């Protein structure tokens, strides 16, 4: 059977693990940091890929950038 001090020690360990698993910054700060639009490089690469697809499928005369 567990003694009172063993239960207390186990509870403190669980509490410590819980506290250490909490995020260190607020949710809104994480959202601001991660929700940024595509960079110019990403946009340029996407335009190149779409243009290549359109040329390969003979759709170049119908759509322009």
PDB file of N, CA and C in Angstrom:
ATOM      1  N   UNK A   1       0.841  -1.178   0.000  1.00  0.00           N
ATOM      2  CA  UNK A   1       0.000   0.000   0.000  1.00  0.00           C
ATOM      3  C   UNK A   1       0.889   1.246   0.000  1.00  0.00           C
ATOM      4  N   UNK A   2       0.430   2.265  -0.715  1.00  0.00           N
ATOM      5  CA  UNK A   2       1.207   3.496  -0.811  1.00  0.00           C
ATOM      6  C   UNK A   2       1.081   4.311   0.463  1.00  0.00           C
ATOM      7  N   UNK A   3       2.181   4.877   0.842  1.00  0.00           N
ATOM      8  CA  UNK A   3       2.150   5.755   2.016  1.00  0.00           C
ATOM      9  C   UNK A   3       1.721   7.151   1.582  1.00  0.00           C
ATOM     10  N   UNK A   4       1.404   7.955   2.548  1.00  0.00           N
ATOM     11  CA  UNK A   4       0.957   9.318   2.280  1.00  0.00           C
ATOM     12  C   UNK A   4       2.044  10.116   1.559  1.00  0.00           C
ATOM     13  N   UNK A   5       3.301   9.954   1.930  1.00  0.00           N
ATOM     14  CA  UNK A   5       4.382  10.701   1.284  1.00  0.00           C
ATOM     15  C   UNK A   5       4.591  10.228  -0.159  1.00  0.00           C
ATOM     16  N   UNK A   6       4.383   8.948  -0.424  1.00  0.00           N
ATOM     17  CA  UNK A   6       4.521   8.440  -1.787  1.00  0.00           C
ATOM     18  C   UNK A   6       3.423   9.011  -2.683  1.00  0.00           C
ATOM     19  N   UNK A   7       2.213   9.090  -2.177  1.00  0.00           N
ATOM     20  CA  UNK A   7       1.103   9.672  -2.938  1.00  0.00           C
ATOM     21  C   UNK A   7       1.372  11.139  -3.209  1.00  0.00           C
ATOM     22  N   UNK A   8       1.860  11.857  -2.214  1.00  0.00           N
ATOM     23  CA  UNK A   8       2.180  13.274  -2.357  1.00  0.00           C
ATOM     24  C   UNK A   8       3.278  13.462  -3.402  1.00  0.00           C
ATOM     25  N   UNK A   9       4.311  12.634  -3.343  1.00  0.00           N
ATOM     26  CA  UNK A   9       5.428  12.727  -4.291  1.00  0.00           C
ATOM     27  C   UNK A   9       4.935  12.423  -5.718  1.00  0.00           C
ATOM     28  N   UNK A  10       4.104  11.401  -5.862  1.00  0.00           N
ATOM     29  CA  UNK A  10       3.553  11.057  -7.165  1.00  0.00           C
ATOM     30  C   UNK A  10       2.691  12.199  -7.713  1.00  0.00           C
ATOM     31  N   UNK A  11       1.890  12.814  -6.863  1.00  0.00           N
ATOM     32  CA  UNK A  11       1.047  13.934  -7.281  1.00  0.00           C
ATOM     33  C   UNK A  11       1.888  15.117  -7.737  1.00  0.00           C
ATOM     34  N   UNK A  12       2.967  15.385  -7.031  1.00  0.00           N
ATOM     35  CA  UNK A  12       3.856  16.487  -7.414  1.00  0.00           C
ATOM     36  C   UNK A  12       4.520  16.213  -8.761  1.00  0.00           C
ATOM     37  N   UNK A  13       4.896  14.969  -9.006  1.00  0.00           N
ATOM     38  CA  UNK A  13       5.512  14.613 -10.286  1.00  0.00           C
ATOM     39  C   UNK A  13       4.512  14.815 -11.422  1.00  0.00           C
ATOM     40  N   UNK A  14       3.283  14.373 -11.227  1.00  0.00           N
ATOM     41  CA  UNK A  14       2.242  14.557 -12.246  1.00  0.00           C
ATOM     42  C   UNK A  14       1.997  16.038 -12.490  1.00  0.00           C
ATOM     43  N   UNK A  15       1.935  16.829 -11.452  1.00  0.00           N
ATOM     44  CA  UNK A  15       1.732  18.264 -11.579  1.00  0.00           C
ATOM     45  C   UNK A  15       2.896  18.910 -12.331  1.00  0.00           C
ATOM     46  N   UNK A  16       4.104  18.510 -12.045  1.00  0.00           N
ATOM     47  CA  UNK A  16       5.282  19.047 -12.720  1.00  0.00           C
ATOM     48  C   UNK A  16       5.264  18.700 -14.210  1.00  0.00           C
ATOM     49  N   UNK A  17       4.911  17.473 -14.531  1.00  0.00           N
ATOM     50  CA  UNK A  17       4.821  17.073 -15.944  1.00  0.00           C
ATOM     51  C   UNK A  17       3.761  17.899 -16.657  1.00  0.00           C
ATOM     52  N   UNK A  18       2.639  18.127 -16.023  1.00  0.00           N
ATOM     53  CA  UNK A  18       1.576  18.936 -16.611  1.00  0.00           C
ATOM     54  C   UNK A  18       2.046  20.362 -16.853  1.00  0.00           C
ATOM     55  N   UNK A  19       2.700  20.956 -15.873  1.00  0.00           N
ATOM     56  CA  UNK A  19       3.174  22.338 -16.002  1.00  0.00           C
ATOM     57  C   UNK A  19       4.218  22.450 -17.108  1.00  0.00           C
ATOM     58  N   UNK A  20       5.113  21.484 -17.189  1.00  0.00           N
ATOM     59  CA  UNK A  20       6.141  21.530 -18.229  1.00  0.00           C
ATOM     60  C   UNK A  20       5.578  21.326 -19.630  1.00  0.00           C
ATOM     61  N   UNK A  21       4.414  20.714 -19.743  1.00  0.00           N
ATOM     62  CA  UNK A  21       3.818  20.495 -21.066  1.00  0.00           C
ATOM     63  C   UNK A  21       2.976  21.675 -21.540  1.00  0.00           C
ATOM     64  N   UNK A  22       2.751  22.672 -20.682  1.00  0.00           N
ATOM     65  CA  UNK A  22       1.974  23.837 -21.085  1.00  0.00           C
ATOM     66  C   UNK A  22       2.747  24.660 -22.108  1.00  0.00           C
ATOM     67  N   UNK A  23       2.048  25.317 -23.058  1.00  0.00           N
ATOM     68  CA  UNK A  23       2.742  26.151 -24.040  1.00  0.00           C
ATOM     69  C   UNK A  23       3.382  27.367 -23.374  1.00  0.00           C
ATOM     70  N   UNK A  24       4.471  27.826 -23.955  1.00  0.00           N
ATOM     71  CA  UNK A  24       5.185  28.956 -23.369  1.00  0.00           C
ATOM     72  C   UNK A  24       4.735  30.291 -23.926  1.00  0.00           C
ATOM     73  N   UNK A  25       3.893  30.286 -24.964  1.00  0.00           N
ATOM     74  CA  UNK A  25       3.371  31.525 -25.509  1.00  0.00           C
ATOM     75  C   UNK A  25       1.868  31.382 -25.729  1.00  0.00           C
ATOM     76  N   UNK A  26       1.196  32.497 -25.843  1.00  0.00           N
ATOM     77  CA  UNK A  26      -0.259  32.448 -25.990  1.00  0.00           C
ATOM     78  C   UNK A  26      -0.648  31.939 -27.365  1.00  0.00           C
ATOM     79  N   UNK A  27      -1.874  31.469 -27.476  1.00  0.00           N
ATOM     80  CA  UNK A  27      -2.377  30.949 -28.744  1.00  0.00           C
ATOM     81  C   UNK A  27      -2.395  32.041 -29.805  1.00  0.00           C
ATOM     82  N   UNK A  28      -2.796  33.250 -29.438  1.00  0.00           N
ATOM     83  CA  UNK A  28      -2.853  34.333 -30.422  1.00  0.00           C
ATOM     84  C   UNK A  28      -1.458  34.681 -30.936  1.00  0.00           C
ATOM     85  N   UNK A  29      -0.441  34.595 -30.085  1.00  0.00           N
ATOM     86  CA  UNK A  29       0.933  34.856 -30.534  1.00  0.00           C
ATOM     87  C   UNK A  29       1.384  33.780 -31.502  1.00  0.00           C
ATOM     88  N   UNK A  30       1.034  32.521 -31.233  1.00  0.00           N
ATOM     89  CA  UNK A  30       1.398  31.440 -32.157  1.00  0.00           C
ATOM     90  C   UNK A  30       0.678  31.597 -33.483  1.00  0.00           C
ATOM     91  N   UNK A  31      -0.596  32.012 -33.457  1.00  0.00           N
ATOM     92  CA  UNK A  31      -1.348  32.204 -34.694  1.00  0.00           C
ATOM     93  C   UNK A  31      -0.747  33.338 -35.521  1.00  0.00           C
ATOM     94  N   UNK A  32      -0.374  34.439 -34.865  1.00  0.00           N
ATOM     95  CA  UNK A  32       0.235  35.551 -35.601  1.00  0.00           C
ATOM     96  C   UNK A  32       1.537  35.122 -36.245  1.00  0.00           C
ATOM     97  N   UNK A  33       2.279  34.281 -35.568  1.00  0.00           N
ATOM     98  CA  UNK A  33       3.572  33.857 -36.076  1.00  0.00           C
ATOM     99  C   UNK A  33       3.414  32.861 -37.222  1.00  0.00           C
ATOM    100  N   UNK A  34       2.414  31.980 -37.156  1.00  0.00           N
ATOM    101  CA  UNK A  34       2.291  30.920 -38.151  1.00  0.00           C
ATOM    102  C   UNK A  34       1.354  31.260 -39.299  1.00  0.00           C
ATOM    103  N   UNK A  35       0.459  32.225 -39.117  1.00  0.00           N
ATOM    104  CA  UNK A  35      -0.485  32.549 -40.174  1.00  0.00           C
ATOM    105  C   UNK A  35       0.007  33.780 -40.903  1.00  0.00           C
ATOM    106  N   UNK A  36       0.963  33.562 -41.763  1.00  0.00           N
ATOM    107  CA  UNK A  36       1.422  34.629 -42.635  1.00  0.00           C
ATOM    108  C   UNK A  36       1.228  34.130 -44.049  1.00  0.00           C
ATOM    109  N   UNK A  37       0.953  35.011 -44.946  1.00  0.00           N
ATOM    110  CA  UNK A  37       0.672  34.623 -46.323  1.00  0.00           C
ATOM    111  C   UNK A  37       1.886  34.029 -47.014  1.00  0.00           C
ATOM    112  N   UNK A  38       1.684  33.582 -48.233  1.00  0.00           N
ATOM    113  CA  UNK A  38       2.803  33.011 -48.978  1.00  0.00           C
ATOM    114  C   UNK A  38       3.834  34.083 -49.310  1.00  0.00           C
ATOM    115  N   UNK A  39       5.072  33.680 -49.375  1.00  0.00           N
ATOM    116  CA  UNK A  39       6.134  34.622 -49.726  1.00  0.00           C
ATOM    117  C   UNK A  39       6.129  34.842 -51.232  1.00  0.00           C
ATOM    118  N   UNK A  40       6.860  35.859 -51.671  1.00  0.00           N
ATOM    119  CA  UNK A  40       6.934  36.129 -53.111  1.00  0.00           C
ATOM    120  C   UNK A  40       7.545  34.957 -53.852  1.00  0.00           C
ATOM    121  N   UNK A  41       8.516  34.304 -53.224  1.00  0.00           N
ATOM    122  CA  UNK A  41       9.154  33.153 -53.860  1.00  0.00           C
ATOM    123  C   UNK A  41       8.154  32.022 -54.046  1.00  0.00           C
ATOM    124  N   UNK A  42       7.321  31.782 -53.018  1.00  0.00           N
ATOM    125  CA  UNK A  42       6.299  30.735 -53.115  1.00  0.00           C
ATOM    126  C   UNK A  42       5.296  31.064 -54.216  1.00  0.00           C
ATOM    127  N   UNK A  43       4.886  32.326 -54.281  1.00  0.00           N
ATOM    128  CA  UNK A  43       3.924  32.749 -55.285  1.00  0.00           C
ATOM    129  C   UNK A  43       4.510  32.596 -56.681  1.00  0.00           C
ATOM    130  N   UNK A  44       5.766  33.004 -56.857  1.00  0.00           N
ATOM    131  CA  UNK A  44       6.420  32.874 -58.161  1.00  0.00           C
ATOM    132  C   UNK A  44       6.529  31.426 -58.596  1.00  0.00           C
ATOM    133  N   UNK A  45       6.862  30.555 -57.649  1.00  0.00           N
ATOM    134  CA  UNK A  45       6.973  29.137 -57.969  1.00  0.00           C
ATOM    135  C   UNK A  45       5.612  28.562 -58.372  1.00  0.00           C
ATOM    136  N   UNK A  46       4.565  28.975 -57.687  1.00  0.00           N
ATOM    137  CA  UNK A  46       3.215  28.505 -58.007  1.00  0.00           C
ATOM    138  C   UNK A  46       2.811  28.966 -59.404  1.00  0.00           C
ATOM    139  N   UNK A  47       3.097  30.220 -59.739  1.00  0.00           N
ATOM    140  CA  UNK A  47       2.763  30.742 -61.064  1.00  0.00           C
ATOM    141  C   UNK A  47       3.511  29.955 -62.137  1.00  0.00           C
ATOM    142  N   UNK A  48       4.788  29.647 -61.887  1.00  0.00           N
ATOM    143  CA  UNK A  48       5.562  28.856 -62.848  1.00  0.00           C
ATOM    144  C   UNK A  48       4.959  27.465 -63.043  1.00  0.00           C
ATOM    145  N   UNK A  49       4.587  26.820 -61.953  1.00  0.00           N
ATOM    146  CA  UNK A  49       4.011  25.478 -62.046  1.00  0.00           C
ATOM    147  C   UNK A  49       2.681  25.483 -62.786  1.00  0.00           C
ATOM    148  N   UNK A  50       1.831  26.469 -62.502  1.00  0.00           N
ATOM    149  CA  UNK A  50       0.536  26.555 -63.179  1.00  0.00           C
ATOM    150  C   UNK A  50       0.744  26.873 -64.658  1.00  0.00           C
ATOM    151  N   UNK A  51       1.665  27.775 -64.963  1.00  0.00           N
ATOM    152  CA  UNK A  51       1.949  28.106 -66.358  1.00  0.00           C
ATOM    153  C   UNK A  51       2.433  26.884 -67.118  1.00  0.00           C
ATOM    154  N   UNK A  52       3.322  26.113 -66.519  1.00  0.00           N
ATOM    155  CA  UNK A  52       3.825  24.900 -67.155  1.00  0.00           C
ATOM    156  C   UNK A  52       2.690  23.906 -67.397  1.00  0.00           C
ATOM    157  N   UNK A  53       1.831  23.741 -66.421  1.00  0.00           N
ATOM    158  CA  UNK A  53       0.688  22.830 -66.572  1.00  0.00           C
ATOM    159  C   UNK A  53      -0.215  23.281 -67.710  1.00  0.00           C
ATOM    160  N   UNK A  54      -0.487  24.582 -67.768  1.00  0.00           N
ATOM    161  CA  UNK A  54      -1.368  25.103 -68.815  1.00  0.00           C
ATOM    162  C   UNK A  54      -0.746  24.908 -70.194  1.00  0.00           C
ATOM    163  N   UNK A  55       0.582  25.162 -70.318  1.00  0.00           N
ATOM    164  CA  UNK A  55       1.245  24.960 -71.603  1.00  0.00           C
ATOM    165  C   UNK A  55       1.233  23.495 -72.011  1.00  0.00           C
ATOM    166  N   UNK A  56       1.476  22.597 -71.066  1.00  0.00           N
ATOM    167  CA  UNK A  56       1.498  21.168 -71.375  1.00  0.00           C
ATOM    168  C   UNK A  56       0.134  20.663 -71.824  1.00  0.00           C
ATOM    169  N   UNK A  57      -0.921  21.293 -71.366  1.00  0.00           N
ATOM    170  CA  UNK A  57      -2.273  20.858 -71.709  1.00  0.00           C
ATOM    171  C   UNK A  57      -2.929  21.761 -72.739  1.00  0.00           C
ATOM    172  N   UNK A  58      -2.129  22.548 -73.445  1.00  0.00           N
ATOM    173  CA  UNK A  58      -2.598  23.427 -74.536  1.00  0.00           C
ATOM    174  C   UNK A  58      -3.730  24.369 -74.097  1.00  0.00           C
ATOM    175  N   UNK A  59      -3.565  24.985 -72.954  1.00  0.00           N
ATOM    176  CA  UNK A  59      -4.581  25.910 -72.451  1.00  0.00           C
ATOM    177  C   UNK A  59      -4.012  27.333 -72.420  1.00  0.00           C
ATOM    178  N   UNK A  60      -2.843  27.549 -73.002  1.00  0.00           N
ATOM    179  CA  UNK A  60      -2.160  28.834 -72.855  1.00  0.00           C
ATOM    180  C   UNK A  60      -2.906  30.007 -73.463  1.00  0.00           C
ATOM    181  N   UNK A  61      -3.639  29.805 -74.546  1.00  0.00           N
ATOM    182  CA  UNK A  61      -4.321  30.918 -75.202  1.00  0.00           C
ATOM    183  C   UNK A  61      -5.566  31.384 -74.467  1.00  0.00           C
ATOM    184  N   UNK A  62      -6.071  30.591 -73.571  1.00  0.00           N
ATOM    185  CA  UNK A  62      -7.340  30.903 -72.911  1.00  0.00           C
ATOM    186  C   UNK A  62      -7.180  31.662 -71.602  1.00  0.00           C
ATOM    187  N   UNK A  63      -6.046  31.457 -70.919  1.00  0.00           N
ATOM    188  CA  UNK A  63      -5.839  32.074 -69.603  1.00  0.00           C
ATOM    189  C   UNK A  63      -4.476  32.749 -69.601  1.00  0.00           C
ATOM    190  N   UNK A  64      -4.380  33.937 -69.026  1.00  0.00           N
ATOM    191  CA  UNK A  64      -3.107  34.635 -68.938  1.00  0.00           C
ATOM    192  C   UNK A  64      -2.880  35.163 -67.537  1.00  0.00           C
ATOM    193  N   UNK A  65      -1.639  35.366 -67.230  1.00  0.00           N
ATOM    194  CA  UNK A  65      -1.289  35.918 -65.918  1.00  0.00           C
ATOM    195  C   UNK A  65      -0.845  37.342 -66.062  1.00  0.00           C
TER     196      UNK A  65
END
